[in-house]
Protein backbone atom coordinates (compact mmCIF):
# COMPACT_ATOMS: atom_id res chain seq x y z
CA MET A 1 -0.18 -0.07 0.33
CA TYR A 2 3.00 2.65 0.87
CA LYS A 3 5.52 1.06 -1.45
CA LYS A 4 4.38 5.48 -3.48
CA ALA A 5 4.66 6.79 -1.38
CA LEU A 6 7.98 5.44 0.16
CA HIS A 7 9.60 6.26 -3.02
CA GLY A 8 8.02 9.71 -3.57
CA PHE A 9 9.61 9.66 0.84
CA PHE A 10 13.27 8.56 -0.18
CA LEU A 11 13.42 11.54 -2.94
CA LYS A 12 12.73 13.99 -0.29
CA VAL A 13 14.81 13.17 2.07
CA HIS A 14 17.85 11.14 0.27
CA PRO A 15 21.56 11.51 1.63
CA ASP A 16 22.82 12.57 -1.69
CA PHE A 17 20.93 15.80 -1.88
CA PHE A 18 22.25 17.19 1.23
CA HIS A 19 26.09 17.52 0.15
CA GLN A 20 26.58 20.77 1.43
CA HIS A 21 24.84 19.96 4.54
CA ARG A 22 26.81 17.51 6.18
CA GLU A 23 25.37 16.69 9.51
CA GLN A 24 21.91 16.64 8.07
CA GLN A 25 23.27 13.95 5.15
CA ARG A 26 24.84 12.00 8.00
CA VAL A 27 21.15 12.20 10.58
CA ASN A 28 19.60 10.79 6.85
CA GLU A 29 21.60 8.13 5.86
CA ALA A 30 21.72 6.88 9.41
CA SER A 31 18.20 7.17 9.92
CA ILE A 32 17.14 5.23 6.33
CA ALA A 33 19.72 2.76 7.31
CA SER A 34 17.25 2.12 10.18
CA LEU A 35 14.08 2.34 8.04
CA ASN A 36 15.46 -0.55 6.06
CA GLU A 37 16.55 -2.66 8.65
CA LEU A 38 12.96 -2.24 10.06
CA LEU A 39 11.20 -2.35 6.71
CA ASN A 40 12.93 -5.73 5.90
CA TRP A 41 12.69 -7.47 9.61
CA ALA A 42 8.99 -6.34 8.38
CA LYS A 43 8.48 -8.57 5.12
CA GLU A 44 10.39 -11.10 6.19
CA PHE A 45 8.08 -10.97 9.80
CA LYS A 46 4.70 -10.75 7.51
CA VAL A 47 5.74 -13.70 5.17
CA GLY A 48 6.96 -16.72 8.13
CA THR A 49 10.68 -15.49 9.49
CA VAL A 50 9.82 -15.08 12.81
CA ARG A 51 13.16 -13.45 14.82
CA PRO A 52 12.86 -10.36 16.62
CA PRO A 53 12.67 -6.90 15.37
CA PRO A 54 15.73 -3.98 15.64
CA ALA A 55 14.25 -3.26 18.72
CA THR A 56 10.83 -2.64 20.27
CA ARG A 57 11.32 0.72 19.67
CA MET A 58 12.75 3.20 17.35
CA ASP A 59 12.72 7.17 17.31
CA PHE A 60 13.58 8.20 13.84
CA THR A 61 14.48 12.12 12.27
CA PHE A 62 15.02 13.47 8.45
CA TYR A 63 15.47 16.49 7.02
CA ARG A 64 13.28 16.86 3.98
CA LYS A 65 15.03 18.53 1.01
CA LEU A 66 14.42 22.30 0.47
CA GLU A 67 11.59 22.43 -2.35
CA THR A 68 11.19 25.75 -4.54
CA GLN A 69 14.14 27.60 -5.76
CA GLU A 70 13.31 30.41 -4.00
CA GLU A 71 14.21 27.99 -0.34
CA GLN A 72 17.44 26.82 -1.84
CA ALA A 73 18.87 30.14 -2.75
CA LYS A 74 18.67 31.23 0.86
CA GLU A 75 22.42 31.81 2.33
CA ASN A 76 21.84 29.80 5.07
CA PRO A 77 18.05 28.03 4.78
CA VAL A 78 16.23 25.55 7.63
CA LEU A 79 15.89 22.38 6.59
CA PRO A 80 12.61 21.17 7.49
CA LYS A 81 12.99 18.19 9.99
CA LEU A 82 10.77 15.36 10.01
CA THR A 83 10.12 12.87 13.04
CA SER A 84 8.53 9.63 13.50
CA THR A 85 8.54 6.41 16.30
CA PHE A 86 8.09 3.20 15.81
CA GLU A 87 6.66 1.21 18.97
CA LEU A 88 6.02 -2.40 19.35
CA PRO A 89 3.61 -3.25 22.81
CA LYS A 90 6.31 -3.76 25.61
CA THR A 91 4.41 -7.56 25.80
CA PHE A 92 5.55 -8.27 22.43
CA SER A 93 7.50 -11.21 21.18
CA PRO A 94 8.06 -13.02 17.64
CA THR A 95 5.61 -15.68 17.54
CA GLU A 96 3.80 -16.11 14.41
CA ALA A 97 0.18 -15.37 16.60
CA ASN A 98 2.22 -11.69 16.64
CA LYS A 99 2.11 -11.30 12.76
CA GLY A 100 -1.01 -8.86 12.81
CA VAL A 101 0.74 -6.46 15.85
CA ALA A 102 3.90 -6.38 13.83
CA GLU A 103 1.92 -5.40 11.11
CA ARG A 104 -0.10 -2.71 12.25
CA ALA A 105 2.54 -1.70 14.38
CA VAL A 106 4.61 -0.97 11.09
CA ASN A 107 1.47 0.76 9.55
CA LYS A 108 0.92 2.29 11.89
CA PHE A 109 4.36 4.32 12.48
CA LEU A 110 4.33 4.95 8.78
CA ARG A 111 1.20 6.34 7.57
CA ASP A 112 2.68 8.81 10.11
CA LEU A 113 6.43 9.79 9.13
CA LEU A 114 4.90 9.71 4.93
CA ARG A 115 1.79 11.75 6.15
CA ARG A 116 4.52 14.42 8.23
CA ALA A 117 6.75 14.04 4.97
CA GLU A 118 3.48 15.04 2.58
CA CYS A 119 3.95 11.75 1.04
CA ILE A 120 -0.25 10.76 1.14
CA ASP A 121 -3.29 12.15 1.49
CA ASP A 122 -5.51 11.45 4.41
CA THR A 123 -7.78 9.45 2.12
CA THR A 124 -4.73 6.82 2.01
CA ALA A 125 -4.67 6.92 5.82
CA ALA A 126 -7.62 5.87 6.16
CA MET A 127 -8.31 3.71 3.92
CA SER A 128 -4.71 1.83 5.18
CA GLN A 129 -6.25 2.74 9.21
CA ALA A 130 -9.54 0.87 8.08
CA GLN A 131 -7.70 -2.03 6.64
CA ASP A 132 -6.07 -2.72 10.11
CA LYS A 133 -9.23 -2.23 12.17
CA THR A 134 -10.33 -4.95 10.07
CA GLU A 135 -7.35 -7.87 10.27
CA GLU A 136 -7.56 -6.59 14.27
CA LEU A 137 -10.97 -7.45 14.67
CA SER A 138 -10.66 -10.59 12.61
CA THR A 139 -7.73 -11.58 14.74
CA HIS A 140 -9.81 -11.30 17.64
CA ARG A 141 -12.33 -12.97 16.28
CA VAL A 142 -10.30 -15.91 15.62
CA ARG A 143 -8.19 -16.42 19.44
CA ASN A 144 -11.36 -15.71 21.13
CA VAL A 145 -13.31 -19.09 18.85
CA GLY A 146 -10.25 -21.01 19.75
CA ARG A 147 -10.39 -20.22 22.97
CA GLU A 148 -13.85 -20.69 23.19
CA ARG A 149 -12.97 -24.76 21.91
CA LYS A 150 -10.53 -24.48 24.00
CA ARG A 151 -13.16 -24.93 26.81
CA LYS A 152 -14.73 -27.42 25.73
């Protein structure tokens, strides 16, 4: 769902655009590396490679490139800064049963990050949020049916 938006996001924060701003370039390099690590984990976890995440909480900071010629022409421009946090529940354990929890946490983080970067609109974010809610309800229903069967 976010492939196109992530492409647009990377075009706004790619470190190559910050050769004149070394500190911001370094921050973006580190954040992109962490983001790629998180996205690779999420992708692998979703298809069955059950292993711990890189961290249960990750804070991200990105600097966005200046969009207009006027902004770029300023002598000491202030680069827009984006921050977002990925967070799993404190009790998260990497198990097959928690695939949905991980996917919803990643989706929530991406929605926040991409909205802050102006790479998705409110409609796309709302669709993703509704999809997460539907999957969450479905997961709870399946767990409850399993518990009821065990009681009988």
